Amino acid sequence: PALLREMAQEIIRRGITVVWWGNIRFEKSYTEELCDLLQRSGCIAVSGGLEVASPRLLKLINKGVTVAQVARVANNFTGAGIMVHAYLMYGFPTQTAQETIDSLETVRQMFELGLIQSGFWHRFAMTAHSPAEYSCRVTEPPFGGFARNDVQFEALSGCDPELFSEGLRVSLYNYMNGTGFDLPLHKWFGGMKVPRTTLPPNYIERIVEE
């Protein structure tokens, strides 16, 4: 954030016209004032990781942000006229069906309130550098080459992510197009039985208002 502030100030000082976007982490430092400055310097969009959208799992992966923090920062960006794209993750080891549905509800509310404008659900992929506490068992022989970006693994606990992939994809497509907000979450998953969300319908709205 500090570096982007200096860059934006320099762009404005020079009086040049540029259009730019970038990848960020949803740091608390992205205040309303800073987001407005970035917009005036030509920023039109940012991409950031909401990831699992679950308090427990965000802490487990040591993301360094909370759901509440992401909601407030996204609100600051969109309030300044900067679009927000969210990187989302599902199928994380130990992630339960309940946490998956609650994550979807968090994303639904953020789209409905206009805090984010686009997103994509990425299925968790394990690398050679993933911490052991992720409760996984590597199912392939040791690698002796230069790089290994995707490791075959078996999660020791958690739900089967394959059951949720299509429902998450279709629901997100609808939310990005401004539809489906009133549809009960279980409707996105066909005939599969999924738990009801434990989040109140004004969960994100209340965070932003606070």
N, C-alpha and C. Protein backbone atom coordinates (compact mmCIF):
# COMPACT_ATOMS: atom_id res chain seq x y z
N PRO A 1 0.80 -1.22 0.00
CA PRO A 1 0.00 0.00 0.00
C PRO A 1 0.84 1.27 0.00
N ALA A 2 1.92 1.29 0.78
CA ALA A 2 2.77 2.48 0.84
C ALA A 2 3.44 2.75 -0.51
N LEU A 3 3.88 1.69 -1.17
CA LEU A 3 4.52 1.84 -2.48
C LEU A 3 3.52 2.32 -3.52
N LEU A 4 2.30 1.77 -3.47
CA LEU A 4 1.27 2.19 -4.41
C LEU A 4 0.88 3.65 -4.19
N ARG A 5 0.89 4.09 -2.94
CA ARG A 5 0.60 5.49 -2.65
C ARG A 5 1.62 6.40 -3.33
N GLU A 6 2.89 6.03 -3.18
CA GLU A 6 3.95 6.85 -3.80
C GLU A 6 3.83 6.85 -5.32
N MET A 7 3.51 5.68 -5.89
CA MET A 7 3.37 5.60 -7.34
C MET A 7 2.21 6.47 -7.82
N ALA A 8 1.07 6.38 -7.12
CA ALA A 8 -0.10 7.17 -7.51
C ALA A 8 0.19 8.66 -7.41
N GLN A 9 0.86 9.06 -6.36
CA GLN A 9 1.19 10.48 -6.19
C GLN A 9 2.11 10.96 -7.30
N GLU A 10 3.04 10.10 -7.72
CA GLU A 10 3.98 10.47 -8.79
C GLU A 10 3.27 10.58 -10.14
N ILE A 11 2.33 9.66 -10.39
CA ILE A 11 1.55 9.72 -11.63
C ILE A 11 0.77 11.03 -11.69
N ILE A 12 0.14 11.39 -10.58
CA ILE A 12 -0.65 12.62 -10.53
C ILE A 12 0.26 13.84 -10.64
N ARG A 13 1.41 13.79 -9.98
CA ARG A 13 2.34 14.92 -10.00
C ARG A 13 2.84 15.20 -11.42
N ARG A 14 3.08 14.13 -12.17
CA ARG A 14 3.58 14.29 -13.53
C ARG A 14 2.47 14.67 -14.51
N GLY A 15 1.22 14.50 -14.07
CA GLY A 15 0.10 14.85 -14.95
C GLY A 15 -0.07 13.92 -16.13
N ILE A 16 0.35 12.64 -15.97
CA ILE A 16 0.22 11.69 -17.08
C ILE A 16 -1.06 10.88 -16.92
N THR A 17 -1.54 10.38 -18.05
CA THR A 17 -2.77 9.60 -18.06
C THR A 17 -2.45 8.14 -18.31
N VAL A 18 -2.73 7.28 -17.34
CA VAL A 18 -2.52 5.85 -17.50
C VAL A 18 -3.72 5.11 -16.93
N VAL A 19 -3.93 3.89 -17.39
CA VAL A 19 -4.96 3.01 -16.85
C VAL A 19 -4.24 1.76 -16.37
N TRP A 20 -4.45 1.39 -15.10
CA TRP A 20 -3.71 0.26 -14.57
C TRP A 20 -4.54 -0.53 -13.56
N TRP A 21 -4.11 -1.75 -13.33
CA TRP A 21 -4.70 -2.59 -12.28
C TRP A 21 -3.60 -3.46 -11.70
N GLY A 22 -3.87 -4.13 -10.58
CA GLY A 22 -2.83 -4.96 -9.99
C GLY A 22 -3.37 -5.96 -8.99
N ASN A 23 -2.50 -6.90 -8.62
CA ASN A 23 -2.83 -7.88 -7.58
C ASN A 23 -2.45 -7.32 -6.22
N ILE A 24 -3.30 -7.50 -5.25
CA ILE A 24 -3.06 -6.97 -3.92
C ILE A 24 -3.37 -8.02 -2.86
N ARG A 25 -3.00 -7.71 -1.64
CA ARG A 25 -3.56 -8.40 -0.48
C ARG A 25 -4.47 -7.38 0.19
N PHE A 26 -5.57 -7.82 0.76
CA PHE A 26 -6.55 -6.90 1.33
C PHE A 26 -6.05 -6.33 2.66
N GLU A 27 -5.03 -5.49 2.58
CA GLU A 27 -4.43 -4.88 3.77
C GLU A 27 -5.34 -3.80 4.35
N LYS A 28 -5.26 -3.63 5.65
CA LYS A 28 -6.05 -2.59 6.32
C LYS A 28 -5.69 -1.20 5.81
N SER A 29 -4.48 -1.06 5.29
CA SER A 29 -3.98 0.24 4.85
C SER A 29 -4.73 0.79 3.64
N TYR A 30 -5.52 -0.05 2.96
CA TYR A 30 -6.30 0.45 1.83
C TYR A 30 -7.56 1.14 2.36
N THR A 31 -7.37 2.35 2.83
CA THR A 31 -8.46 3.16 3.39
C THR A 31 -9.26 3.81 2.26
N GLU A 32 -10.35 4.44 2.61
CA GLU A 32 -11.14 5.17 1.62
C GLU A 32 -10.27 6.22 0.92
N GLU A 33 -9.46 6.91 1.71
CA GLU A 33 -8.62 7.97 1.16
C GLU A 33 -7.60 7.42 0.18
N LEU A 34 -6.95 6.31 0.52
CA LEU A 34 -5.95 5.73 -0.37
C LEU A 34 -6.60 5.19 -1.64
N CYS A 35 -7.74 4.53 -1.51
CA CYS A 35 -8.41 3.99 -2.68
C CYS A 35 -8.83 5.11 -3.63
N ASP A 36 -9.27 6.21 -3.08
CA ASP A 36 -9.63 7.36 -3.91
C ASP A 36 -8.40 7.89 -4.66
N LEU A 37 -7.27 7.95 -3.97
CA LEU A 37 -6.02 8.40 -4.59
C LEU A 37 -5.63 7.46 -5.73
N LEU A 38 -5.72 6.15 -5.51
CA LEU A 38 -5.37 5.17 -6.54
C LEU A 38 -6.27 5.32 -7.76
N GLN A 39 -7.55 5.57 -7.51
CA GLN A 39 -8.49 5.73 -8.62
C GLN A 39 -8.15 6.97 -9.44
N ARG A 40 -7.78 8.04 -8.78
CA ARG A 40 -7.44 9.28 -9.49
C ARG A 40 -6.15 9.13 -10.29
N SER A 41 -5.31 8.18 -9.91
CA SER A 41 -4.07 7.94 -10.65
C SER A 41 -4.26 7.00 -11.83
N GLY A 42 -5.47 6.44 -11.97
CA GLY A 42 -5.76 5.57 -13.11
C GLY A 42 -6.07 4.13 -12.80
N CYS A 43 -6.11 3.77 -11.51
CA CYS A 43 -6.41 2.38 -11.15
C CYS A 43 -7.88 2.08 -11.45
N ILE A 44 -8.13 1.00 -12.19
CA ILE A 44 -9.51 0.63 -12.52
C ILE A 44 -9.94 -0.66 -11.85
N ALA A 45 -8.99 -1.48 -11.39
CA ALA A 45 -9.37 -2.77 -10.81
C ALA A 45 -8.23 -3.35 -9.98
N VAL A 46 -8.60 -4.20 -9.02
CA VAL A 46 -7.61 -4.95 -8.24
C VAL A 46 -8.09 -6.39 -8.10
N SER A 47 -7.14 -7.30 -7.94
CA SER A 47 -7.44 -8.70 -7.68
C SER A 47 -6.80 -9.09 -6.36
N GLY A 48 -7.56 -9.78 -5.53
CA GLY A 48 -7.02 -10.18 -4.24
C GLY A 48 -7.61 -11.49 -3.77
N GLY A 49 -6.94 -12.13 -2.83
CA GLY A 49 -7.36 -13.45 -2.37
C GLY A 49 -8.27 -13.40 -1.15
N LEU A 50 -9.54 -13.72 -1.37
CA LEU A 50 -10.43 -14.01 -0.26
C LEU A 50 -10.26 -15.47 0.13
N GLU A 51 -9.78 -16.26 -0.81
CA GLU A 51 -9.45 -17.68 -0.62
C GLU A 51 -10.62 -18.48 -0.08
N VAL A 52 -10.47 -19.08 1.11
CA VAL A 52 -11.47 -20.00 1.64
C VAL A 52 -12.66 -19.29 2.27
N ALA A 53 -12.57 -17.99 2.47
CA ALA A 53 -13.67 -17.19 3.03
C ALA A 53 -14.20 -17.77 4.34
N SER A 54 -13.31 -18.34 5.14
CA SER A 54 -13.68 -18.97 6.40
C SER A 54 -12.69 -18.54 7.48
N PRO A 55 -13.18 -18.00 8.59
CA PRO A 55 -12.26 -17.54 9.65
C PRO A 55 -11.27 -18.60 10.10
N ARG A 56 -11.73 -19.83 10.32
CA ARG A 56 -10.82 -20.89 10.80
C ARG A 56 -9.76 -21.22 9.76
N LEU A 57 -10.19 -21.35 8.50
CA LEU A 57 -9.26 -21.76 7.46
C LEU A 57 -8.31 -20.63 7.06
N LEU A 58 -8.78 -19.39 7.08
CA LEU A 58 -7.89 -18.27 6.79
C LEU A 58 -6.76 -18.20 7.82
N LYS A 59 -7.10 -18.52 9.06
CA LYS A 59 -6.09 -18.55 10.11
C LYS A 59 -5.14 -19.73 9.90
N LEU A 60 -5.68 -20.87 9.46
CA LEU A 60 -4.86 -22.07 9.27
C LEU A 60 -3.84 -21.87 8.15
N ILE A 61 -4.24 -21.19 7.08
CA ILE A 61 -3.31 -20.99 5.97
C ILE A 61 -2.44 -19.76 6.18
N ASN A 62 -2.61 -19.10 7.32
CA ASN A 62 -1.78 -17.95 7.66
C ASN A 62 -1.87 -16.86 6.59
N LYS A 63 -3.11 -16.60 6.16
CA LYS A 63 -3.33 -15.64 5.09
C LYS A 63 -3.01 -14.21 5.53
N GLY A 64 -3.24 -13.92 6.80
CA GLY A 64 -2.93 -12.58 7.28
C GLY A 64 -4.07 -11.60 7.12
N VAL A 65 -5.24 -12.08 6.68
CA VAL A 65 -6.42 -11.23 6.59
C VAL A 65 -7.61 -11.99 7.17
N THR A 66 -8.67 -11.26 7.47
CA THR A 66 -9.90 -11.87 7.94
C THR A 66 -11.01 -11.57 6.94
N VAL A 67 -12.12 -12.28 7.06
CA VAL A 67 -13.27 -12.02 6.20
C VAL A 67 -13.75 -10.59 6.38
N ALA A 68 -13.79 -10.14 7.63
CA ALA A 68 -14.24 -8.78 7.90
C ALA A 68 -13.32 -7.75 7.25
N GLN A 69 -12.03 -7.99 7.33
CA GLN A 69 -11.06 -7.07 6.74
C GLN A 69 -11.22 -7.01 5.23
N VAL A 70 -11.41 -8.16 4.60
CA VAL A 70 -11.60 -8.20 3.15
C VAL A 70 -12.85 -7.42 2.77
N ALA A 71 -13.93 -7.61 3.53
CA ALA A 71 -15.19 -6.92 3.22
C ALA A 71 -15.02 -5.41 3.30
N ARG A 72 -14.36 -4.93 4.33
CA ARG A 72 -14.19 -3.48 4.50
C ARG A 72 -13.30 -2.89 3.41
N VAL A 73 -12.21 -3.57 3.11
CA VAL A 73 -11.29 -3.07 2.09
C VAL A 73 -11.94 -3.11 0.71
N ALA A 74 -12.65 -4.19 0.39
CA ALA A 74 -13.36 -4.27 -0.88
C ALA A 74 -14.39 -3.15 -0.99
N ASN A 75 -15.03 -2.83 0.11
CA ASN A 75 -16.00 -1.74 0.12
C ASN A 75 -15.31 -0.40 -0.17
N ASN A 76 -14.10 -0.23 0.35
CA ASN A 76 -13.35 1.00 0.09
C ASN A 76 -12.98 1.12 -1.39
N PHE A 77 -12.56 0.01 -1.98
CA PHE A 77 -12.20 0.04 -3.40
C PHE A 77 -13.41 0.33 -4.28
N THR A 78 -14.48 -0.41 -4.09
CA THR A 78 -15.65 -0.23 -4.94
C THR A 78 -16.28 1.14 -4.71
N GLY A 79 -16.20 1.64 -3.48
CA GLY A 79 -16.71 2.97 -3.21
C GLY A 79 -15.95 4.05 -3.97
N ALA A 80 -14.68 3.75 -4.29
CA ALA A 80 -13.86 4.69 -5.05
C ALA A 80 -13.99 4.47 -6.55
N GLY A 81 -14.79 3.49 -6.95
CA GLY A 81 -14.96 3.23 -8.37
C GLY A 81 -13.95 2.26 -8.95
N ILE A 82 -13.32 1.47 -8.09
CA ILE A 82 -12.34 0.47 -8.52
C ILE A 82 -12.96 -0.92 -8.40
N MET A 83 -12.96 -1.67 -9.48
CA MET A 83 -13.55 -3.00 -9.47
C MET A 83 -12.67 -3.98 -8.69
N VAL A 84 -13.30 -4.99 -8.10
CA VAL A 84 -12.58 -5.97 -7.28
C VAL A 84 -12.86 -7.38 -7.80
N HIS A 85 -11.78 -8.11 -8.08
CA HIS A 85 -11.87 -9.52 -8.44
C HIS A 85 -11.35 -10.34 -7.26
N ALA A 86 -12.09 -11.38 -6.89
CA ALA A 86 -11.71 -12.21 -5.74
C ALA A 86 -11.22 -13.58 -6.18
N TYR A 87 -10.02 -13.93 -5.74
CA TYR A 87 -9.54 -15.30 -5.88
C TYR A 87 -10.16 -16.12 -4.75
N LEU A 88 -10.82 -17.22 -5.11
CA LEU A 88 -11.51 -18.04 -4.13
C LEU A 88 -10.96 -19.46 -4.18
N MET A 89 -11.04 -20.16 -3.06
CA MET A 89 -10.48 -21.50 -2.96
C MET A 89 -11.49 -22.44 -2.29
N TYR A 90 -11.56 -23.67 -2.79
CA TYR A 90 -12.37 -24.70 -2.14
C TYR A 90 -11.59 -25.99 -2.15
N GLY A 91 -12.05 -26.95 -1.37
CA GLY A 91 -11.37 -28.24 -1.31
C GLY A 91 -10.12 -28.23 -0.46
N PHE A 92 -10.03 -27.25 0.44
CA PHE A 92 -8.86 -27.18 1.31
C PHE A 92 -8.91 -28.33 2.32
N PRO A 93 -7.79 -28.99 2.60
CA PRO A 93 -7.79 -30.09 3.57
C PRO A 93 -8.41 -29.67 4.90
N THR A 94 -9.24 -30.50 5.44
CA THR A 94 -10.03 -30.33 6.67
C THR A 94 -11.25 -29.46 6.46
N GLN A 95 -11.43 -28.85 5.28
CA GLN A 95 -12.60 -28.01 5.04
C GLN A 95 -13.85 -28.88 5.01
N THR A 96 -14.82 -28.51 5.82
CA THR A 96 -16.05 -29.29 5.93
C THR A 96 -17.09 -28.79 4.94
N ALA A 97 -18.16 -29.58 4.79
CA ALA A 97 -19.28 -29.16 3.94
C ALA A 97 -19.90 -27.88 4.49
N GLN A 98 -19.98 -27.77 5.80
CA GLN A 98 -20.55 -26.57 6.42
C GLN A 98 -19.70 -25.34 6.09
N GLU A 99 -18.40 -25.48 6.20
CA GLU A 99 -17.51 -24.35 5.89
C GLU A 99 -17.58 -23.97 4.41
N THR A 100 -17.76 -24.96 3.54
CA THR A 100 -17.88 -24.69 2.12
C THR A 100 -19.14 -23.88 1.83
N ILE A 101 -20.25 -24.28 2.42
CA ILE A 101 -21.51 -23.57 2.20
C ILE A 101 -21.45 -22.18 2.82
N ASP A 102 -20.87 -22.05 3.99
CA ASP A 102 -20.75 -20.73 4.62
C ASP A 102 -19.84 -19.81 3.80
N SER A 103 -18.81 -20.38 3.18
CA SER A 103 -17.95 -19.59 2.30
C SER A 103 -18.74 -19.08 1.10
N LEU A 104 -19.56 -19.95 0.54
CA LEU A 104 -20.39 -19.55 -0.59
C LEU A 104 -21.36 -18.45 -0.18
N GLU A 105 -21.93 -18.55 1.00
CA GLU A 105 -22.85 -17.51 1.47
C GLU A 105 -22.12 -16.18 1.67
N THR A 106 -20.89 -16.23 2.16
CA THR A 106 -20.08 -15.02 2.30
C THR A 106 -19.88 -14.36 0.94
N VAL A 107 -19.52 -15.17 -0.05
CA VAL A 107 -19.30 -14.66 -1.41
C VAL A 107 -20.60 -14.11 -1.99
N ARG A 108 -21.70 -14.82 -1.78
CA ARG A 108 -23.01 -14.36 -2.28
C ARG A 108 -23.34 -12.97 -1.75
N GLN A 109 -23.16 -12.79 -0.43
CA GLN A 109 -23.49 -11.51 0.17
C GLN A 109 -22.58 -10.39 -0.35
N MET A 110 -21.31 -10.69 -0.57
CA MET A 110 -20.39 -9.68 -1.08
C MET A 110 -20.77 -9.24 -2.49
N PHE A 111 -21.18 -10.21 -3.32
CA PHE A 111 -21.63 -9.85 -4.66
C PHE A 111 -22.93 -9.05 -4.60
N GLU A 112 -23.85 -9.49 -3.77
CA GLU A 112 -25.14 -8.81 -3.69
C GLU A 112 -25.00 -7.36 -3.24
N LEU A 113 -24.04 -7.11 -2.35
CA LEU A 113 -23.80 -5.75 -1.87
C LEU A 113 -22.91 -4.94 -2.81
N GLY A 114 -22.39 -5.59 -3.85
CA GLY A 114 -21.55 -4.89 -4.81
C GLY A 114 -20.13 -4.67 -4.34
N LEU A 115 -19.68 -5.44 -3.35
CA LEU A 115 -18.32 -5.28 -2.84
C LEU A 115 -17.29 -5.90 -3.77
N ILE A 116 -17.68 -6.94 -4.50
CA ILE A 116 -16.81 -7.55 -5.51
C ILE A 116 -17.62 -7.70 -6.79
N GLN A 117 -16.92 -7.63 -7.92
CA GLN A 117 -17.60 -7.68 -9.21
C GLN A 117 -17.30 -8.96 -9.99
N SER A 118 -16.23 -9.65 -9.66
CA SER A 118 -15.94 -10.91 -10.32
C SER A 118 -15.12 -11.79 -9.39
N GLY A 119 -15.04 -13.07 -9.73
CA GLY A 119 -14.30 -14.00 -8.90
C GLY A 119 -14.12 -15.32 -9.62
N PHE A 120 -13.34 -16.20 -9.00
CA PHE A 120 -13.15 -17.53 -9.58
C PHE A 120 -12.81 -18.50 -8.45
N TRP A 121 -13.50 -19.65 -8.43
CA TRP A 121 -13.22 -20.69 -7.45
C TRP A 121 -12.08 -21.57 -7.95
N HIS A 122 -10.97 -21.59 -7.25
CA HIS A 122 -9.85 -22.47 -7.57
C HIS A 122 -9.87 -23.65 -6.60
N ARG A 123 -9.73 -24.85 -7.13
CA ARG A 123 -9.63 -26.01 -6.25
C ARG A 123 -8.23 -26.05 -5.65
N PHE A 124 -8.15 -26.33 -4.35
CA PHE A 124 -6.86 -26.37 -3.66
C PHE A 124 -5.89 -27.32 -4.34
N ALA A 125 -4.68 -26.85 -4.55
CA ALA A 125 -3.61 -27.67 -5.09
C ALA A 125 -2.44 -27.66 -4.11
N MET A 126 -1.88 -28.79 -3.86
CA MET A 126 -0.77 -28.90 -2.92
C MET A 126 0.56 -28.82 -3.65
N THR A 127 1.52 -28.13 -3.06
CA THR A 127 2.87 -28.05 -3.62
C THR A 127 3.85 -28.71 -2.66
N ALA A 128 5.08 -28.81 -3.10
CA ALA A 128 6.12 -29.41 -2.25
C ALA A 128 6.39 -28.56 -1.02
N HIS A 129 5.93 -27.31 -1.03
CA HIS A 129 6.20 -26.40 0.09
C HIS A 129 5.00 -26.21 1.01
N SER A 130 3.92 -26.92 0.75
CA SER A 130 2.75 -26.80 1.62
C SER A 130 3.07 -27.37 3.00
N PRO A 131 2.68 -26.67 4.07
CA PRO A 131 2.99 -27.13 5.43
C PRO A 131 2.36 -28.49 5.75
N ALA A 132 3.03 -29.23 6.59
CA ALA A 132 2.55 -30.56 6.97
C ALA A 132 1.25 -30.49 7.74
N GLU A 133 0.99 -29.36 8.44
CA GLU A 133 -0.21 -29.27 9.26
C GLU A 133 -1.49 -29.16 8.45
N TYR A 134 -1.37 -29.19 7.12
CA TYR A 134 -2.56 -29.18 6.26
C TYR A 134 -3.26 -30.53 6.26
N SER A 135 -2.76 -31.49 7.01
CA SER A 135 -3.40 -32.80 7.15
C SER A 135 -3.55 -33.51 5.81
N CYS A 136 -2.44 -33.64 5.10
CA CYS A 136 -2.42 -34.31 3.80
C CYS A 136 -1.39 -35.42 3.81
N ARG A 137 -1.60 -36.38 2.92
CA ARG A 137 -0.61 -37.43 2.71
C ARG A 137 -0.24 -37.43 1.23
N VAL A 138 1.04 -37.19 0.95
CA VAL A 138 1.51 -37.17 -0.44
C VAL A 138 1.44 -38.58 -1.00
N THR A 139 0.87 -38.72 -2.19
CA THR A 139 0.65 -40.05 -2.78
C THR A 139 1.51 -40.28 -4.01
N GLU A 140 2.62 -39.57 -4.14
CA GLU A 140 3.53 -39.79 -5.26
C GLU A 140 4.95 -39.86 -4.74
N PRO A 141 5.88 -40.47 -5.47
CA PRO A 141 7.27 -40.61 -5.00
C PRO A 141 7.97 -39.26 -4.93
N PRO A 142 9.06 -39.17 -4.16
CA PRO A 142 9.82 -37.92 -4.05
C PRO A 142 10.24 -37.39 -5.41
N PHE A 143 10.26 -36.08 -5.54
CA PHE A 143 10.58 -35.43 -6.81
C PHE A 143 12.02 -34.94 -6.79
N GLY A 144 12.78 -35.23 -7.85
CA GLY A 144 14.17 -34.84 -7.86
C GLY A 144 14.52 -33.81 -8.91
N GLY A 145 13.50 -33.23 -9.54
CA GLY A 145 13.73 -32.26 -10.59
C GLY A 145 13.87 -30.83 -10.09
N PHE A 146 13.68 -29.90 -11.00
CA PHE A 146 13.90 -28.49 -10.69
C PHE A 146 12.72 -27.87 -9.95
N ALA A 147 11.51 -28.14 -10.40
CA ALA A 147 10.33 -27.51 -9.80
C ALA A 147 9.16 -28.47 -9.81
N ARG A 148 8.31 -28.34 -8.81
CA ARG A 148 7.11 -29.15 -8.74
C ARG A 148 5.99 -28.27 -8.18
N ASN A 149 5.08 -27.89 -9.05
CA ASN A 149 4.04 -26.95 -8.66
C ASN A 149 2.75 -27.62 -8.23
N ASP A 150 2.60 -28.90 -8.51
CA ASP A 150 1.35 -29.58 -8.18
C ASP A 150 1.68 -30.99 -7.72
N VAL A 151 1.37 -31.30 -6.48
CA VAL A 151 1.70 -32.59 -5.88
C VAL A 151 0.43 -33.39 -5.67
N GLN A 152 0.45 -34.65 -6.05
CA GLN A 152 -0.69 -35.52 -5.80
C GLN A 152 -0.76 -35.82 -4.30
N PHE A 153 -1.97 -35.68 -3.73
CA PHE A 153 -2.10 -35.86 -2.29
C PHE A 153 -3.47 -36.42 -1.94
N GLU A 154 -3.58 -36.87 -0.71
CA GLU A 154 -4.85 -37.34 -0.17
C GLU A 154 -5.11 -36.59 1.13
N ALA A 155 -6.24 -35.91 1.19
CA ALA A 155 -6.60 -35.20 2.41
C ALA A 155 -7.04 -36.20 3.47
N LEU A 156 -6.56 -36.03 4.70
CA LEU A 156 -6.86 -36.99 5.76
C LEU A 156 -8.21 -36.70 6.42
N SER A 157 -8.76 -35.52 6.18
CA SER A 157 -10.09 -35.19 6.71
C SER A 157 -10.70 -34.09 5.86
N GLY A 158 -11.99 -33.88 6.04
CA GLY A 158 -12.69 -32.86 5.27
C GLY A 158 -13.64 -33.49 4.26
N CYS A 159 -14.45 -32.65 3.60
CA CYS A 159 -15.44 -33.14 2.65
C CYS A 159 -14.80 -33.39 1.29
N ASP A 160 -15.54 -34.04 0.41
CA ASP A 160 -15.08 -34.32 -0.95
C ASP A 160 -15.33 -33.08 -1.81
N PRO A 161 -14.29 -32.38 -2.24
CA PRO A 161 -14.49 -31.13 -2.99
C PRO A 161 -15.17 -31.34 -4.33
N GLU A 162 -15.03 -32.52 -4.91
CA GLU A 162 -15.62 -32.79 -6.22
C GLU A 162 -17.13 -32.64 -6.19
N LEU A 163 -17.73 -32.88 -5.03
CA LEU A 163 -19.18 -32.78 -4.91
C LEU A 163 -19.67 -31.34 -5.01
N PHE A 164 -18.79 -30.38 -4.76
CA PHE A 164 -19.19 -28.98 -4.70
C PHE A 164 -18.75 -28.16 -5.90
N SER A 165 -17.85 -28.69 -6.73
CA SER A 165 -17.23 -27.89 -7.78
C SER A 165 -18.23 -27.28 -8.75
N GLU A 166 -19.18 -28.07 -9.24
CA GLU A 166 -20.13 -27.56 -10.24
C GLU A 166 -21.08 -26.54 -9.63
N GLY A 167 -21.56 -26.80 -8.42
CA GLY A 167 -22.47 -25.85 -7.77
C GLY A 167 -21.80 -24.51 -7.48
N LEU A 168 -20.55 -24.56 -7.07
CA LEU A 168 -19.81 -23.32 -6.82
C LEU A 168 -19.60 -22.56 -8.12
N ARG A 169 -19.27 -23.27 -9.19
CA ARG A 169 -19.04 -22.62 -10.48
C ARG A 169 -20.30 -21.95 -11.01
N VAL A 170 -21.41 -22.67 -11.00
CA VAL A 170 -22.66 -22.15 -11.56
C VAL A 170 -23.19 -20.99 -10.73
N SER A 171 -23.14 -21.12 -9.41
CA SER A 171 -23.64 -20.03 -8.56
C SER A 171 -22.82 -18.76 -8.77
N LEU A 172 -21.50 -18.91 -8.86
CA LEU A 172 -20.65 -17.74 -9.05
C LEU A 172 -20.92 -17.08 -10.40
N TYR A 173 -21.14 -17.87 -11.43
CA TYR A 173 -21.46 -17.32 -12.75
C TYR A 173 -22.72 -16.46 -12.66
N ASN A 174 -23.72 -16.94 -11.94
CA ASN A 174 -24.95 -16.18 -11.79
C ASN A 174 -24.73 -14.91 -10.98
N TYR A 175 -23.99 -15.01 -9.89
CA TYR A 175 -23.74 -13.82 -9.05
C TYR A 175 -23.00 -12.75 -9.84
N MET A 176 -22.06 -13.16 -10.68
CA MET A 176 -21.32 -12.18 -11.48
C MET A 176 -22.22 -11.48 -12.49
N ASN A 177 -23.31 -12.14 -12.85
CA ASN A 177 -24.26 -11.55 -13.78
C ASN A 177 -25.46 -10.93 -13.08
N GLY A 178 -25.36 -10.81 -11.75
CA GLY A 178 -26.39 -10.11 -10.99
C GLY A 178 -27.67 -10.87 -10.78
N THR A 179 -27.61 -12.21 -10.85
CA THR A 179 -28.82 -13.01 -10.67
C THR A 179 -28.58 -14.11 -9.63
N GLY A 180 -29.69 -14.71 -9.17
CA GLY A 180 -29.60 -15.87 -8.30
C GLY A 180 -29.37 -15.59 -6.83
N PHE A 181 -29.42 -14.33 -6.43
CA PHE A 181 -29.14 -14.01 -5.04
C PHE A 181 -30.22 -14.54 -4.09
N ASP A 182 -31.43 -14.65 -4.57
CA ASP A 182 -32.53 -15.12 -3.72
C ASP A 182 -32.70 -16.63 -3.74
N LEU A 183 -31.93 -17.31 -4.56
CA LEU A 183 -32.06 -18.76 -4.65
C LEU A 183 -31.39 -19.41 -3.45
N PRO A 184 -32.09 -20.31 -2.72
CA PRO A 184 -31.44 -21.02 -1.60
C PRO A 184 -30.18 -21.73 -2.06
N LEU A 185 -29.17 -21.72 -1.23
CA LEU A 185 -27.86 -22.24 -1.65
C LEU A 185 -27.90 -23.70 -2.10
N HIS A 186 -28.75 -24.51 -1.45
CA HIS A 186 -28.75 -25.93 -1.79
C HIS A 186 -29.25 -26.18 -3.21
N LYS A 187 -29.94 -25.20 -3.80
CA LYS A 187 -30.47 -25.36 -5.16
C LYS A 187 -29.35 -25.43 -6.20
N TRP A 188 -28.20 -24.87 -5.88
CA TRP A 188 -27.09 -24.89 -6.83
C TRP A 188 -26.45 -26.27 -6.95
N PHE A 189 -26.76 -27.17 -6.03
CA PHE A 189 -26.07 -28.45 -5.98
C PHE A 189 -26.97 -29.62 -6.38
N GLY A 190 -27.97 -29.33 -7.20
CA GLY A 190 -28.84 -30.39 -7.71
C GLY A 190 -29.58 -31.09 -6.58
N GLY A 191 -29.54 -32.39 -6.60
CA GLY A 191 -30.23 -33.14 -5.57
C GLY A 191 -29.36 -33.47 -4.37
N MET A 192 -28.12 -32.99 -4.37
CA MET A 192 -27.24 -33.32 -3.26
C MET A 192 -27.67 -32.58 -2.00
N LYS A 193 -27.64 -33.29 -0.89
CA LYS A 193 -28.01 -32.69 0.38
C LYS A 193 -26.81 -31.94 0.95
N VAL A 194 -26.98 -30.65 1.19
CA VAL A 194 -25.93 -29.82 1.77
C VAL A 194 -26.48 -29.12 2.98
N PRO A 195 -25.62 -28.77 3.94
CA PRO A 195 -26.12 -28.09 5.15
C PRO A 195 -26.59 -26.67 4.85
N ARG A 196 -27.46 -26.18 5.70
CA ARG A 196 -27.88 -24.78 5.60
C ARG A 196 -26.75 -23.89 6.12
N THR A 197 -26.65 -22.70 5.58
CA THR A 197 -25.62 -21.79 6.06
C THR A 197 -25.90 -21.38 7.51
N THR A 198 -24.84 -21.19 8.26
CA THR A 198 -24.98 -20.74 9.65
C THR A 198 -24.85 -19.22 9.75
N LEU A 199 -24.60 -18.54 8.63
CA LEU A 199 -24.40 -17.10 8.64
C LEU A 199 -25.72 -16.35 8.54
N PRO A 200 -25.87 -15.27 9.28
CA PRO A 200 -27.08 -14.45 9.15
C PRO A 200 -27.10 -13.76 7.80
N PRO A 201 -28.29 -13.43 7.28
CA PRO A 201 -28.38 -12.83 5.95
C PRO A 201 -27.75 -11.45 5.84
N ASN A 202 -27.50 -10.80 6.97
CA ASN A 202 -26.87 -9.47 6.95
C ASN A 202 -25.44 -9.50 7.50
N TYR A 203 -24.82 -10.66 7.42
CA TYR A 203 -23.47 -10.86 7.98
C TYR A 203 -22.46 -9.84 7.44
N ILE A 204 -22.34 -9.73 6.12
CA ILE A 204 -21.38 -8.82 5.52
C ILE A 204 -21.84 -7.37 5.64
N GLU A 205 -23.12 -7.15 5.47
CA GLU A 205 -23.66 -5.79 5.58
C GLU A 205 -23.37 -5.19 6.95
N ARG A 206 -23.51 -6.01 7.98
CA ARG A 206 -23.25 -5.55 9.34
C ARG A 206 -21.78 -5.22 9.54
N ILE A 207 -20.89 -6.02 8.94
CA ILE A 207 -19.45 -5.77 9.04
C ILE A 207 -19.11 -4.42 8.41
N VAL A 208 -19.64 -4.17 7.23
CA VAL A 208 -19.35 -2.93 6.51
C VAL A 208 -19.88 -1.73 7.27
N GLU A 209 -21.08 -1.85 7.82
CA GLU A 209 -21.68 -0.73 8.55
C GLU A 209 -20.89 -0.40 9.82
N GLU A 210 -20.31 -1.43 10.44
CA GLU A 210 -19.52 -1.20 11.64
C GLU A 210 -18.25 -0.44 11.31
